[in-house]
Amino acid sequence: MIKSFSLSVFILLVAALLESAILSNIAILPAIPDLSLICVLYFSLHNGKLIGETTGFVSGLFLDFLSGAPFGLNCLLRTLIGYIGGLFSRTVNSDGFFIAILLGILGTISKGLILFVLSFLFPAGVIRYNLFSWFFLFQLCANAILTPFVFKFLSIFNKTLILQVEAAS
């Protein structure tokens, strides 16, 4: 379990650095694809709620340190998404191309909805998404397109990333 979690944390660190250092500096992108969100979805769908929550929290912690967002916002947001993804652990087969696209869309929409709700609870600290803006639409499309490829890349490390659950007898 420690080996699986350590590799997951390393992958999340690389994804957060890619987002903040490389993708954020590309001027033609209206919004940055959320690679760490896609990774959290993968980890939670394959390992359950506990790993989903913890990897979501860790990825949020990385993004909180690397971004100008209020400290703890990304932690809360990604912990919730990791938990929700973990609820569907082992019931959703994410190997298919179109299922992965749908999971990317649902993950991005849930991120927008959670931020929308949090913006009402903390009006001064949270910048809310306009769910009907070009910015959100671009991020939704980018995440939907990248999700199958990120899932396929992460499946290379399945023997290490996915915890083997033994049947209870």
C-alpha atoms as a PDB file:
ATOM      1  CA  MET A   1       0.000   0.000   0.000  1.00  0.00           C
ATOM      2  CA  ILE A   2       2.863   2.377   0.801  1.00  0.00           C
ATOM      3  CA  LYS A   3       4.450   1.722  -2.594  1.00  0.00           C
ATOM      4  CA  SER A   4       1.158   2.358  -4.380  1.00  0.00           C
ATOM      5  CA  PHE A   5       0.484   5.571  -2.470  1.00  0.00           C
ATOM      6  CA  SER A   6       4.055   6.831  -2.968  1.00  0.00           C
ATOM      7  CA  LEU A   7       3.873   6.323  -6.729  1.00  0.00           C
ATOM      8  CA  SER A   8       0.457   8.019  -6.779  1.00  0.00           C
ATOM      9  CA  VAL A   9       1.856  11.021  -4.896  1.00  0.00           C
ATOM     10  CA  PHE A  10       4.799  11.242  -7.296  1.00  0.00           C
ATOM     11  CA  ILE A  11       2.453  11.155 -10.310  1.00  0.00           C
ATOM     12  CA  LEU A  12       0.273  13.856  -8.737  1.00  0.00           C
ATOM     13  CA  LEU A  13       3.329  16.024  -8.094  1.00  0.00           C
ATOM     14  CA  VAL A  14       4.401  15.692 -11.727  1.00  0.00           C
ATOM     15  CA  ALA A  15       0.849  16.494 -12.902  1.00  0.00           C
ATOM     16  CA  ALA A  16       0.640  19.563 -10.651  1.00  0.00           C
ATOM     17  CA  LEU A  17       4.030  20.790 -11.859  1.00  0.00           C
ATOM     18  CA  LEU A  18       3.008  20.219 -15.483  1.00  0.00           C
ATOM     19  CA  GLU A  19      -0.161  22.232 -14.942  1.00  0.00           C
ATOM     20  CA  SER A  20       1.435  25.120 -13.092  1.00  0.00           C
ATOM     21  CA  ALA A  21       4.810  25.393 -14.809  1.00  0.00           C
ATOM     22  CA  ILE A  22       4.224  24.366 -18.412  1.00  0.00           C
ATOM     23  CA  LEU A  23       0.535  24.410 -19.347  1.00  0.00           C
ATOM     24  CA  SER A  24      -0.179  27.694 -17.577  1.00  0.00           C
ATOM     25  CA  ASN A  25       2.481  29.438 -19.667  1.00  0.00           C
ATOM     26  CA  ILE A  26       1.050  28.435 -23.042  1.00  0.00           C
ATOM     27  CA  ALA A  27      -0.593  31.630 -24.239  1.00  0.00           C
ATOM     28  CA  ILE A  28      -3.013  30.038 -26.729  1.00  0.00           C
ATOM     29  CA  LEU A  29      -4.819  27.991 -24.064  1.00  0.00           C
ATOM     30  CA  PRO A  30      -7.852  29.825 -22.650  1.00  0.00           C
ATOM     31  CA  ALA A  31      -7.976  27.363 -19.731  1.00  0.00           C
ATOM     32  CA  ILE A  32      -5.564  24.821 -18.319  1.00  0.00           C
ATOM     33  CA  PRO A  33      -6.500  21.134 -18.582  1.00  0.00           C
ATOM     34  CA  ASP A  34      -6.777  19.673 -15.087  1.00  0.00           C
ATOM     35  CA  LEU A  35      -4.391  16.720 -15.191  1.00  0.00           C
ATOM     36  CA  SER A  36      -4.348  16.218 -11.434  1.00  0.00           C
ATOM     37  CA  LEU A  37      -8.149  15.968 -11.370  1.00  0.00           C
ATOM     38  CA  ILE A  38      -7.986  13.237 -14.006  1.00  0.00           C
ATOM     39  CA  CYS A  39      -5.324  11.385 -12.008  1.00  0.00           C
ATOM     40  CA  VAL A  40      -7.389  11.635  -8.811  1.00  0.00           C
ATOM     41  CA  LEU A  41     -10.374  10.218 -10.693  1.00  0.00           C
ATOM     42  CA  TYR A  42      -8.272   7.298 -11.907  1.00  0.00           C
ATOM     43  CA  PHE A  43      -6.867   6.530  -8.452  1.00  0.00           C
ATOM     44  CA  SER A  44     -10.248   6.771  -6.745  1.00  0.00           C
ATOM     45  CA  LEU A  45     -12.069   4.683  -9.357  1.00  0.00           C
ATOM     46  CA  HIS A  46      -9.515   1.902  -9.099  1.00  0.00           C
ATOM     47  CA  ASN A  47      -8.688   1.946  -5.373  1.00  0.00           C
ATOM     48  CA  GLY A  48     -11.757   3.179  -3.542  1.00  0.00           C
ATOM     49  CA  LYS A  49     -12.768   6.020  -1.267  1.00  0.00           C
ATOM     50  CA  LEU A  50      -9.782   6.026   1.091  1.00  0.00           C
ATOM     51  CA  ILE A  51      -7.147   6.302  -1.628  1.00  0.00           C
ATOM     52  CA  GLY A  52      -9.415   8.687  -3.561  1.00  0.00           C
ATOM     53  CA  GLU A  53      -9.695  11.008  -0.568  1.00  0.00           C
ATOM     54  CA  THR A  54      -6.026  10.935   0.297  1.00  0.00           C
ATOM     55  CA  THR A  55      -4.765  11.385  -3.251  1.00  0.00           C
ATOM     56  CA  GLY A  56      -7.328  14.142  -3.730  1.00  0.00           C
ATOM     57  CA  PHE A  57      -6.095  15.880  -0.597  1.00  0.00           C
ATOM     58  CA  VAL A  58      -2.448  15.526  -1.614  1.00  0.00           C
ATOM     59  CA  SER A  59      -3.079  16.815  -5.140  1.00  0.00           C
ATOM     60  CA  GLY A  60      -5.027  19.733  -3.679  1.00  0.00           C
ATOM     61  CA  LEU A  61      -2.164  20.458  -1.308  1.00  0.00           C
ATOM     62  CA  PHE A  62       0.298  20.543  -4.217  1.00  0.00           C
ATOM     63  CA  LEU A  63      -1.981  22.855  -6.194  1.00  0.00           C
ATOM     64  CA  ASP A  64      -2.564  25.101  -3.177  1.00  0.00           C
ATOM     65  CA  PHE A  65       1.181  25.587  -2.798  1.00  0.00           C
ATOM     66  CA  LEU A  66       1.672  26.177  -6.527  1.00  0.00           C
ATOM     67  CA  SER A  67      -1.313  28.447  -7.204  1.00  0.00           C
ATOM     68  CA  GLY A  68      -2.741  31.660  -5.851  1.00  0.00           C
ATOM     69  CA  ALA A  69      -5.962  30.029  -4.673  1.00  0.00           C
ATOM     70  CA  PRO A  70      -6.994  30.370  -1.028  1.00  0.00           C
ATOM     71  CA  PHE A  71      -5.106  27.759   0.968  1.00  0.00           C
ATOM     72  CA  GLY A  72      -7.223  24.654   1.470  1.00  0.00           C
ATOM     73  CA  LEU A  73      -9.660  25.283  -1.377  1.00  0.00           C
ATOM     74  CA  ASN A  74      -8.090  22.757  -3.739  1.00  0.00           C
ATOM     75  CA  CYS A  75      -7.624  20.302  -0.865  1.00  0.00           C
ATOM     76  CA  LEU A  76     -11.321  20.408  -0.042  1.00  0.00           C
ATOM     77  CA  LEU A  77     -12.406  20.333  -3.667  1.00  0.00           C
ATOM     78  CA  ARG A  78     -10.236  17.386  -4.694  1.00  0.00           C
ATOM     79  CA  THR A  79     -10.880  15.448  -1.493  1.00  0.00           C
ATOM     80  CA  LEU A  80     -14.613  15.607  -2.253  1.00  0.00           C
ATOM     81  CA  ILE A  81     -14.073  14.561  -5.872  1.00  0.00           C
ATOM     82  CA  GLY A  82     -11.794  11.712  -4.779  1.00  0.00           C
ATOM     83  CA  TYR A  83     -14.419  10.505  -2.325  1.00  0.00           C
ATOM     84  CA  ILE A  84     -17.210  10.707  -4.903  1.00  0.00           C
ATOM     85  CA  GLY A  85     -15.074   8.849  -7.434  1.00  0.00           C
ATOM     86  CA  GLY A  86     -14.270   6.222  -4.799  1.00  0.00           C
ATOM     87  CA  LEU A  87     -17.977   5.577  -4.297  1.00  0.00           C
ATOM     88  CA  PHE A  88     -18.007   4.107  -7.809  1.00  0.00           C
ATOM     89  CA  SER A  89     -14.859   2.071  -7.273  1.00  0.00           C
ATOM     90  CA  ARG A  90     -14.915  -1.299  -8.978  1.00  0.00           C
ATOM     91  CA  THR A  91     -18.419  -0.655 -10.377  1.00  0.00           C
ATOM     92  CA  VAL A  92     -17.403   1.560 -13.288  1.00  0.00           C
ATOM     93  CA  ASN A  93     -15.158   0.038 -15.933  1.00  0.00           C
ATOM     94  CA  SER A  94     -12.951   2.936 -16.996  1.00  0.00           C
ATOM     95  CA  ASP A  95     -11.063   0.966 -19.648  1.00  0.00           C
ATOM     96  CA  GLY A  96     -13.297   2.085 -22.510  1.00  0.00           C
ATOM     97  CA  PHE A  97     -12.539   5.205 -24.520  1.00  0.00           C
ATOM     98  CA  PHE A  98     -16.012   6.753 -24.316  1.00  0.00           C
ATOM     99  CA  ILE A  99     -16.492   5.862 -20.640  1.00  0.00           C
ATOM    100  CA  ALA A 100     -13.236   7.660 -19.857  1.00  0.00           C
ATOM    101  CA  ILE A 101     -14.449  10.711 -21.790  1.00  0.00           C
ATOM    102  CA  LEU A 102     -17.710  10.641 -19.814  1.00  0.00           C
ATOM    103  CA  LEU A 103     -15.768  10.354 -16.540  1.00  0.00           C
ATOM    104  CA  GLY A 104     -13.655  13.380 -17.494  1.00  0.00           C
ATOM    105  CA  ILE A 105     -16.785  15.364 -18.270  1.00  0.00           C
ATOM    106  CA  LEU A 106     -18.493  14.345 -15.019  1.00  0.00           C
ATOM    107  CA  GLY A 107     -15.364  15.095 -12.979  1.00  0.00           C
ATOM    108  CA  THR A 108     -15.024  18.565 -14.479  1.00  0.00           C
ATOM    109  CA  ILE A 109     -18.716  19.349 -14.040  1.00  0.00           C
ATOM    110  CA  SER A 110     -18.611  18.176 -10.424  1.00  0.00           C
ATOM    111  CA  LYS A 111     -15.556  20.394  -9.857  1.00  0.00           C
ATOM    112  CA  GLY A 112     -17.465  23.373 -11.271  1.00  0.00           C
ATOM    113  CA  LEU A 113     -20.575  22.627  -9.210  1.00  0.00           C
ATOM    114  CA  ILE A 114     -18.607  22.214  -5.975  1.00  0.00           C
ATOM    115  CA  LEU A 115     -16.794  25.500  -6.634  1.00  0.00           C
ATOM    116  CA  PHE A 116     -20.146  27.130  -7.361  1.00  0.00           C
ATOM    117  CA  VAL A 117     -21.555  25.961  -4.009  1.00  0.00           C
ATOM    118  CA  LEU A 118     -18.377  26.968  -2.149  1.00  0.00           C
ATOM    119  CA  SER A 119     -18.563  30.442  -3.689  1.00  0.00           C
ATOM    120  CA  PHE A 120     -21.866  30.983  -1.886  1.00  0.00           C
ATOM    121  CA  LEU A 121     -20.454  29.759   1.427  1.00  0.00           C
ATOM    122  CA  PHE A 122     -17.266  31.839   1.102  1.00  0.00           C
ATOM    123  CA  PRO A 123     -18.130  34.759  -1.188  1.00  0.00           C
ATOM    124  CA  ALA A 124     -14.933  36.728  -0.582  1.00  0.00           C
ATOM    125  CA  GLY A 125     -12.469  33.877  -0.987  1.00  0.00           C
ATOM    126  CA  VAL A 126     -13.687  31.669  -3.820  1.00  0.00           C
ATOM    127  CA  ILE A 127     -13.817  32.750  -7.422  1.00  0.00           C
ATOM    128  CA  ARG A 128     -16.698  30.830  -8.885  1.00  0.00           C
ATOM    129  CA  TYR A 129     -16.803  29.265 -12.282  1.00  0.00           C
ATOM    130  CA  ASN A 130     -19.346  30.498 -14.709  1.00  0.00           C
ATOM    131  CA  LEU A 131     -20.583  27.101 -15.851  1.00  0.00           C
ATOM    132  CA  PHE A 132     -21.770  28.612 -19.123  1.00  0.00           C
ATOM    133  CA  SER A 133     -18.563  30.406 -20.092  1.00  0.00           C
ATOM    134  CA  TRP A 134     -16.016  29.678 -22.817  1.00  0.00           C
ATOM    135  CA  PHE A 135     -13.384  29.161 -20.135  1.00  0.00           C
ATOM    136  CA  PHE A 136     -15.336  26.331 -18.507  1.00  0.00           C
ATOM    137  CA  LEU A 137     -16.333  24.862 -21.862  1.00  0.00           C
ATOM    138  CA  PHE A 138     -12.700  24.736 -22.991  1.00  0.00           C
ATOM    139  CA  GLN A 139     -11.591  23.088 -19.753  1.00  0.00           C
ATOM    140  CA  LEU A 140     -14.469  20.620 -20.038  1.00  0.00           C
ATOM    141  CA  CYS A 141     -13.482  19.695 -23.613  1.00  0.00           C
ATOM    142  CA  ALA A 142      -9.763  19.541 -22.789  1.00  0.00           C
ATOM    143  CA  ASN A 143     -10.356  17.280 -19.789  1.00  0.00           C
ATOM    144  CA  ALA A 144     -12.739  15.083 -21.789  1.00  0.00           C
ATOM    145  CA  ILE A 145     -10.199  14.653 -24.576  1.00  0.00           C
ATOM    146  CA  LEU A 146      -7.231  14.057 -22.263  1.00  0.00           C
ATOM    147  CA  THR A 147      -8.935  11.651 -19.841  1.00  0.00           C
ATOM    148  CA  PRO A 148      -8.718   8.486 -22.006  1.00  0.00           C
ATOM    149  CA  PHE A 149      -5.057   9.150 -22.748  1.00  0.00           C
ATOM    150  CA  VAL A 150      -4.149   9.833 -19.111  1.00  0.00           C
ATOM    151  CA  PHE A 151      -6.089   6.738 -18.014  1.00  0.00           C
ATOM    152  CA  LYS A 152      -4.263   4.659 -20.628  1.00  0.00           C
ATOM    153  CA  PHE A 153      -0.905   6.052 -19.502  1.00  0.00           C
ATOM    154  CA  LEU A 154      -1.672   5.347 -15.839  1.00  0.00           C
ATOM    155  CA  SER A 155      -2.801   1.810 -16.682  1.00  0.00           C
ATOM    156  CA  ILE A 156       0.841   1.051 -17.537  1.00  0.00           C
ATOM    157  CA  PHE A 157       1.524   1.223 -13.797  1.00  0.00           C
ATOM    158  CA  ASN A 158      -1.513  -0.841 -12.753  1.00  0.00           C
ATOM    159  CA  LYS A 159       0.500  -3.510 -10.922  1.00  0.00           C
ATOM    160  CA  THR A 160       1.864  -0.838  -8.605  1.00  0.00           C
ATOM    161  CA  LEU A 161      -0.952   1.728  -8.530  1.00  0.00           C
ATOM    162  CA  ILE A 162      -3.956  -0.512  -8.002  1.00  0.00           C
ATOM    163  CA  LEU A 163      -4.314  -2.181  -4.639  1.00  0.00           C
ATOM    164  CA  GLN A 164      -5.270  -5.815  -4.820  1.00  0.00           C
ATOM    165  CA  VAL A 165      -8.386  -6.445  -2.765  1.00  0.00           C
ATOM    166  CA  GLU A 166      -8.635  -9.989  -1.522  1.00  0.00           C
ATOM    167  CA  ALA A 167     -12.035 -11.579  -1.311  1.00  0.00           C
ATOM    168  CA  ALA A 168     -13.271 -11.954   2.239  1.00  0.00           C
ATOM    169  CA  SER A 169     -14.065 -15.544   3.097  1.00  0.00           C
END
